[in-house]
């Protein structure tokens, strides 16, 4: 039964990577607007870096 579970999880992972794609790994820095006089920043002021592959797929899906 363990072999079936491992095989099923491998199949799910493989299909997911086919659909989403692996893209080029990129680690852009997250930009923050941190004031110099404080140790914290509001979450509204943080820009998420995100995944370039997912951004491309979202943009193409919206334009269709």
PDB file of N, CA and C in Angstrom:
ATOM      1  N   UNK A   1       0.829  -1.203   0.000  1.00  0.00           N
ATOM      2  CA  UNK A   1       0.000   0.000   0.000  1.00  0.00           C
ATOM      3  C   UNK A   1       0.868   1.260   0.000  1.00  0.00           C
ATOM      4  N   UNK A   2       2.012   1.205   0.666  1.00  0.00           N
ATOM      5  CA  UNK A   2       2.898   2.364   0.705  1.00  0.00           C
ATOM      6  C   UNK A   2       3.405   2.697  -0.694  1.00  0.00           C
ATOM      7  N   UNK A   3       3.684   1.672  -1.505  1.00  0.00           N
ATOM      8  CA  UNK A   3       4.151   1.908  -2.871  1.00  0.00           C
ATOM      9  C   UNK A   3       3.077   2.596  -3.707  1.00  0.00           C
ATOM     10  N   UNK A   4       1.825   2.207  -3.505  1.00  0.00           N
ATOM     11  CA  UNK A   4       0.723   2.844  -4.240  1.00  0.00           C
ATOM     12  C   UNK A   4       0.606   4.316  -3.858  1.00  0.00           C
ATOM     13  N   UNK A   5       0.753   4.619  -2.556  1.00  0.00           N
ATOM     14  CA  UNK A   5       0.668   6.006  -2.106  1.00  0.00           C
ATOM     15  C   UNK A   5       1.806   6.842  -2.681  1.00  0.00           C
ATOM     16  N   UNK A   6       3.010   6.284  -2.666  1.00  0.00           N
ATOM     17  CA  UNK A   6       4.163   7.002  -3.214  1.00  0.00           C
ATOM     18  C   UNK A   6       3.986   7.231  -4.709  1.00  0.00           C
ATOM     19  N   UNK A   7       3.504   6.233  -5.411  1.00  0.00           N
ATOM     20  CA  UNK A   7       3.279   6.359  -6.847  1.00  0.00           C
ATOM     21  C   UNK A   7       2.199   7.399  -7.140  1.00  0.00           C
ATOM     22  N   UNK A   8       1.120   7.374  -6.361  1.00  0.00           N
ATOM     23  CA  UNK A   8       0.040   8.341  -6.567  1.00  0.00           C
ATOM     24  C   UNK A   8       0.526   9.763  -6.310  1.00  0.00           C
ATOM     25  N   UNK A   9       1.309   9.952  -5.247  1.00  0.00           N
ATOM     26  CA  UNK A   9       1.803  11.301  -4.962  1.00  0.00           C
ATOM     27  C   UNK A   9       2.758  11.776  -6.051  1.00  0.00           C
ATOM     28  N   UNK A  10       3.577  10.874  -6.588  1.00  0.00           N
ATOM     29  CA  UNK A  10       4.485  11.231  -7.686  1.00  0.00           C
ATOM     30  C   UNK A  10       3.693  11.638  -8.930  1.00  0.00           C
ATOM     31  N   UNK A  11       2.627  10.899  -9.222  1.00  0.00           N
ATOM     32  CA  UNK A  11       1.790  11.227 -10.378  1.00  0.00           C
ATOM     33  C   UNK A  11       1.134  12.594 -10.218  1.00  0.00           C
ATOM     34  N   UNK A  12       0.646  12.886  -9.022  1.00  0.00           N
ATOM     35  CA  UNK A  12       0.011  14.188  -8.768  1.00  0.00           C
ATOM     36  C   UNK A  12       1.025  15.311  -8.931  1.00  0.00           C
ATOM     37  N   UNK A  13       2.218  15.125  -8.370  1.00  0.00           N
ATOM     38  CA  UNK A  13       3.267  16.134  -8.500  1.00  0.00           C
ATOM     39  C   UNK A  13       3.638  16.350  -9.963  1.00  0.00           C
ATOM     40  N   UNK A  14       3.814  15.275 -10.698  1.00  0.00           N
ATOM     41  CA  UNK A  14       4.195  15.381 -12.115  1.00  0.00           C
ATOM     42  C   UNK A  14       3.136  16.114 -12.926  1.00  0.00           C
ATOM     43  N   UNK A  15       1.876  15.786 -12.699  1.00  0.00           N
ATOM     44  CA  UNK A  15       0.794  16.455 -13.437  1.00  0.00           C
ATOM     45  C   UNK A  15       0.702  17.927 -13.070  1.00  0.00           C
ATOM     46  N   UNK A  16       0.907  18.232 -11.803  1.00  0.00           N
ATOM     47  CA  UNK A  16       0.883  19.631 -11.382  1.00  0.00           C
ATOM     48  C   UNK A  16       1.989  20.436 -12.033  1.00  0.00           C
ATOM     49  N   UNK A  17       3.191  19.859 -12.102  1.00  0.00           N
ATOM     50  CA  UNK A  17       4.302  20.564 -12.734  1.00  0.00           C
ATOM     51  C   UNK A  17       4.086  20.723 -14.231  1.00  0.00           C
ATOM     52  N   UNK A  18       3.416  19.768 -14.859  1.00  0.00           N
ATOM     53  CA  UNK A  18       3.097  19.909 -16.283  1.00  0.00           C
ATOM     54  C   UNK A  18       2.126  21.062 -16.505  1.00  0.00           C
ATOM     55  N   UNK A  19       1.159  21.216 -15.617  1.00  0.00           N
ATOM     56  CA  UNK A  19       0.147  22.261 -15.784  1.00  0.00           C
ATOM     57  C   UNK A  19       0.703  23.639 -15.459  1.00  0.00           C
ATOM     58  N   UNK A  20       1.424  23.738 -14.360  1.00  0.00           N
ATOM     59  CA  UNK A  20       1.936  25.037 -13.922  1.00  0.00           C
ATOM     60  C   UNK A  20       3.236  25.363 -14.630  1.00  0.00           C
ATOM     61  N   UNK A  21       4.051  24.374 -14.862  1.00  0.00           N
ATOM     62  CA  UNK A  21       5.357  24.592 -15.462  1.00  0.00           C
ATOM     63  C   UNK A  21       6.372  24.893 -14.386  1.00  0.00           C
ATOM     64  N   UNK A  22       7.603  24.643 -14.714  1.00  0.00           N
ATOM     65  CA  UNK A  22       8.644  24.870 -13.727  1.00  0.00           C
ATOM     66  C   UNK A  22       9.214  26.271 -13.855  1.00  0.00           C
ATOM     67  N   UNK A  23       9.203  26.841 -15.043  1.00  0.00           N
ATOM     68  CA  UNK A  23       9.718  28.191 -15.231  1.00  0.00           C
ATOM     69  C   UNK A  23      11.169  28.298 -14.803  1.00  0.00           C
ATOM     70  N   UNK A  24      11.684  29.476 -14.868  1.00  0.00           N
ATOM     71  CA  UNK A  24      13.035  29.716 -14.384  1.00  0.00           C
ATOM     72  C   UNK A  24      12.941  30.142 -12.927  1.00  0.00           C
ATOM     73  N   UNK A  25      13.671  29.478 -12.047  1.00  0.00           N
ATOM     74  CA  UNK A  25      13.618  29.893 -10.656  1.00  0.00           C
ATOM     75  C   UNK A  25      14.169  31.306 -10.522  1.00  0.00           C
ATOM     76  N   UNK A  26      13.414  32.120  -9.889  1.00  0.00           N
ATOM     77  CA  UNK A  26      13.809  33.511  -9.725  1.00  0.00           C
ATOM     78  C   UNK A  26      13.458  33.933  -8.314  1.00  0.00           C
ATOM     79  N   UNK A  27      14.330  34.649  -7.705  1.00  0.00           N
ATOM     80  CA  UNK A  27      14.083  35.078  -6.337  1.00  0.00           C
ATOM     81  C   UNK A  27      14.249  36.592  -6.246  1.00  0.00           C
ATOM     82  N   UNK A  28      13.288  37.345  -6.801  1.00  0.00           N
ATOM     83  CA  UNK A  28      13.413  38.794  -6.733  1.00  0.00           C
ATOM     84  C   UNK A  28      13.221  39.281  -5.306  1.00  0.00           C
ATOM     85  N   UNK A  29      13.929  40.295  -4.932  1.00  0.00           N
ATOM     86  CA  UNK A  29      13.765  40.802  -3.568  1.00  0.00           C
ATOM     87  C   UNK A  29      12.381  41.417  -3.389  1.00  0.00           C
ATOM     88  N   UNK A  30      11.872  41.281  -2.200  1.00  0.00           N
ATOM     89  CA  UNK A  30      10.588  41.891  -1.875  1.00  0.00           C
ATOM     90  C   UNK A  30      10.855  43.339  -1.508  1.00  0.00           C
ATOM     91  N   UNK A  31      10.089  44.230  -2.109  1.00  0.00           N
ATOM     92  CA  UNK A  31      10.282  45.647  -1.837  1.00  0.00           C
ATOM     93  C   UNK A  31       9.384  46.081  -0.694  1.00  0.00           C
ATOM     94  N   UNK A  32       9.943  46.843   0.216  1.00  0.00           N
ATOM     95  CA  UNK A  32       9.151  47.394   1.310  1.00  0.00           C
ATOM     96  C   UNK A  32       9.398  48.889   1.392  1.00  0.00           C
ATOM     97  N   UNK A  33       8.422  49.583   1.882  1.00  0.00           N
ATOM     98  CA  UNK A  33       8.560  51.016   2.117  1.00  0.00           C
ATOM     99  C   UNK A  33       8.723  51.199   3.619  1.00  0.00           C
ATOM    100  N   UNK A  34       9.877  50.830   4.119  1.00  0.00           N
ATOM    101  CA  UNK A  34      10.130  50.852   5.550  1.00  0.00           C
ATOM    102  C   UNK A  34      10.652  52.215   5.987  1.00  0.00           C
ATOM    103  N   UNK A  35       9.919  52.886   6.867  1.00  0.00           N
ATOM    104  CA  UNK A  35      10.422  54.147   7.395  1.00  0.00           C
ATOM    105  C   UNK A  35      11.686  53.896   8.213  1.00  0.00           C
ATOM    106  N   UNK A  36      12.551  54.866   8.266  1.00  0.00           N
ATOM    107  CA  UNK A  36      13.816  54.692   8.979  1.00  0.00           C
ATOM    108  C   UNK A  36      13.664  54.795  10.488  1.00  0.00           C
ATOM    109  N   UNK A  37      12.567  55.336  10.969  1.00  0.00           N
ATOM    110  CA  UNK A  37      12.427  55.563  12.406  1.00  0.00           C
ATOM    111  C   UNK A  37      11.580  54.513  13.127  1.00  0.00           C
ATOM    112  N   UNK A  38      11.321  53.362  12.516  1.00  0.00           N
ATOM    113  CA  UNK A  38      10.500  52.344  13.167  1.00  0.00           C
ATOM    114  C   UNK A  38      11.010  50.948  12.832  1.00  0.00           C
ATOM    115  N   UNK A  39      10.650  49.982  13.666  1.00  0.00           N
ATOM    116  CA  UNK A  39      11.073  48.599  13.453  1.00  0.00           C
ATOM    117  C   UNK A  39      10.029  47.778  12.710  1.00  0.00           C
ATOM    118  N   UNK A  40       8.848  48.334  12.467  1.00  0.00           N
ATOM    119  CA  UNK A  40       7.797  47.565  11.802  1.00  0.00           C
ATOM    120  C   UNK A  40       7.237  48.353  10.626  1.00  0.00           C
ATOM    121  N   UNK A  41       6.535  47.650   9.770  1.00  0.00           N
ATOM    122  CA  UNK A  41       5.917  48.276   8.612  1.00  0.00           C
ATOM    123  C   UNK A  41       4.555  47.623   8.411  1.00  0.00           C
ATOM    124  N   UNK A  42       3.584  48.402   7.978  1.00  0.00           N
ATOM    125  CA  UNK A  42       2.245  47.884   7.734  1.00  0.00           C
ATOM    126  C   UNK A  42       2.283  46.868   6.596  1.00  0.00           C
ATOM    127  N   UNK A  43       1.486  45.817   6.717  1.00  0.00           N
ATOM    128  CA  UNK A  43       1.439  44.793   5.669  1.00  0.00           C
ATOM    129  C   UNK A  43       0.967  45.373   4.347  1.00  0.00           C
ATOM    130  N   UNK A  44       0.219  46.460   4.378  1.00  0.00           N
ATOM    131  CA  UNK A  44      -0.266  47.090   3.153  1.00  0.00           C
ATOM    132  C   UNK A  44       0.872  47.673   2.326  1.00  0.00           C
ATOM    133  N   UNK A  45       2.008  47.906   2.948  1.00  0.00           N
ATOM    134  CA  UNK A  45       3.114  48.545   2.249  1.00  0.00           C
ATOM    135  C   UNK A  45       4.135  47.549   1.720  1.00  0.00           C
ATOM    136  N   UNK A  46       3.878  46.255   1.874  1.00  0.00           N
ATOM    137  CA  UNK A  46       4.800  45.226   1.393  1.00  0.00           C
ATOM    138  C   UNK A  46       4.314  44.714   0.047  1.00  0.00           C
ATOM    139  N   UNK A  47       5.205  44.671  -0.927  1.00  0.00           N
ATOM    140  CA  UNK A  47       4.867  44.149  -2.251  1.00  0.00           C
ATOM    141  C   UNK A  47       5.426  42.734  -2.354  1.00  0.00           C
ATOM    142  N   UNK A  48       4.560  41.761  -2.603  1.00  0.00           N
ATOM    143  CA  UNK A  48       4.992  40.374  -2.716  1.00  0.00           C
ATOM    144  C   UNK A  48       5.737  40.156  -4.030  1.00  0.00           C
ATOM    145  N   UNK A  49       6.782  39.365  -3.962  1.00  0.00           N
ATOM    146  CA  UNK A  49       7.572  39.072  -5.156  1.00  0.00           C
ATOM    147  C   UNK A  49       6.822  38.121  -6.082  1.00  0.00           C
ATOM    148  N   UNK A  50       6.266  37.055  -5.542  1.00  0.00           N
ATOM    149  CA  UNK A  50       5.463  36.127  -6.334  1.00  0.00           C
ATOM    150  C   UNK A  50       6.278  35.240  -7.257  1.00  0.00           C
ATOM    151  N   UNK A  51       5.595  34.442  -8.015  1.00  0.00           N
ATOM    152  CA  UNK A  51       6.204  33.506  -8.951  1.00  0.00           C
ATOM    153  C   UNK A  51       6.039  34.029 -10.368  1.00  0.00           C
ATOM    154  N   UNK A  52       7.128  34.210 -11.100  1.00  0.00           N
ATOM    155  CA  UNK A  52       7.021  34.695 -12.473  1.00  0.00           C
ATOM    156  C   UNK A  52       6.194  33.755 -13.352  1.00  0.00           C
ATOM    157  N   UNK A  53       6.300  32.454 -13.133  1.00  0.00           N
ATOM    158  CA  UNK A  53       5.547  31.494 -13.939  1.00  0.00           C
ATOM    159  C   UNK A  53       4.060  31.674 -13.720  1.00  0.00           C
ATOM    160  N   UNK A  54       3.643  31.799 -12.466  1.00  0.00           N
ATOM    161  CA  UNK A  54       2.225  31.972 -12.177  1.00  0.00           C
ATOM    162  C   UNK A  54       1.714  33.307 -12.706  1.00  0.00           C
ATOM    163  N   UNK A  55       2.546  34.347 -12.634  1.00  0.00           N
ATOM    164  CA  UNK A  55       2.137  35.652 -13.162  1.00  0.00           C
ATOM    165  C   UNK A  55       1.908  35.573 -14.667  1.00  0.00           C
ATOM    166  N   UNK A  56       2.794  34.852 -15.382  1.00  0.00           N
ATOM    167  CA  UNK A  56       2.645  34.714 -16.836  1.00  0.00           C
ATOM    168  C   UNK A  56       1.362  33.967 -17.174  1.00  0.00           C
ATOM    169  N   UNK A  57       1.083  32.883 -16.446  1.00  0.00           N
ATOM    170  CA  UNK A  57      -0.125  32.093 -16.710  1.00  0.00           C
ATOM    171  C   UNK A  57      -1.372  32.911 -16.411  1.00  0.00           C
ATOM    172  N   UNK A  58      -1.345  33.696 -15.340  1.00  0.00           N
ATOM    173  CA  UNK A  58      -2.498  34.524 -14.995  1.00  0.00           C
ATOM    174  C   UNK A  58      -2.727  35.583 -16.059  1.00  0.00           C
ATOM    175  N   UNK A  59      -1.650  36.217 -16.511  1.00  0.00           N
ATOM    176  CA  UNK A  59      -1.773  37.253 -17.535  1.00  0.00           C
ATOM    177  C   UNK A  59      -2.323  36.674 -18.832  1.00  0.00           C
ATOM    178  N   UNK A  60      -1.858  35.489 -19.212  1.00  0.00           N
ATOM    179  CA  UNK A  60      -2.349  34.900 -20.461  1.00  0.00           C
ATOM    180  C   UNK A  60      -3.797  34.446 -20.322  1.00  0.00           C
ATOM    181  N   UNK A  61      -4.194  33.982 -19.148  1.00  0.00           N
ATOM    182  CA  UNK A  61      -5.581  33.557 -18.931  1.00  0.00           C
ATOM    183  C   UNK A  61      -6.529  34.750 -18.968  1.00  0.00           C
ATOM    184  N   UNK A  62      -6.085  35.881 -18.444  1.00  0.00           N
ATOM    185  CA  UNK A  62      -6.921  37.080 -18.427  1.00  0.00           C
ATOM    186  C   UNK A  62      -7.097  37.629 -19.835  1.00  0.00           C
ATOM    187  N   UNK A  63      -6.039  37.540 -20.653  1.00  0.00           N
ATOM    188  CA  UNK A  63      -6.109  38.113 -21.999  1.00  0.00           C
ATOM    189  C   UNK A  63      -6.900  37.253 -22.982  1.00  0.00           C
ATOM    190  N   UNK A  64      -7.218  36.009 -22.607  1.00  0.00           N
ATOM    191  CA  UNK A  64      -7.960  35.129 -23.529  1.00  0.00           C
ATOM    192  C   UNK A  64      -9.415  35.471 -23.609  1.00  0.00           C
TER     193      UNK A  64
END
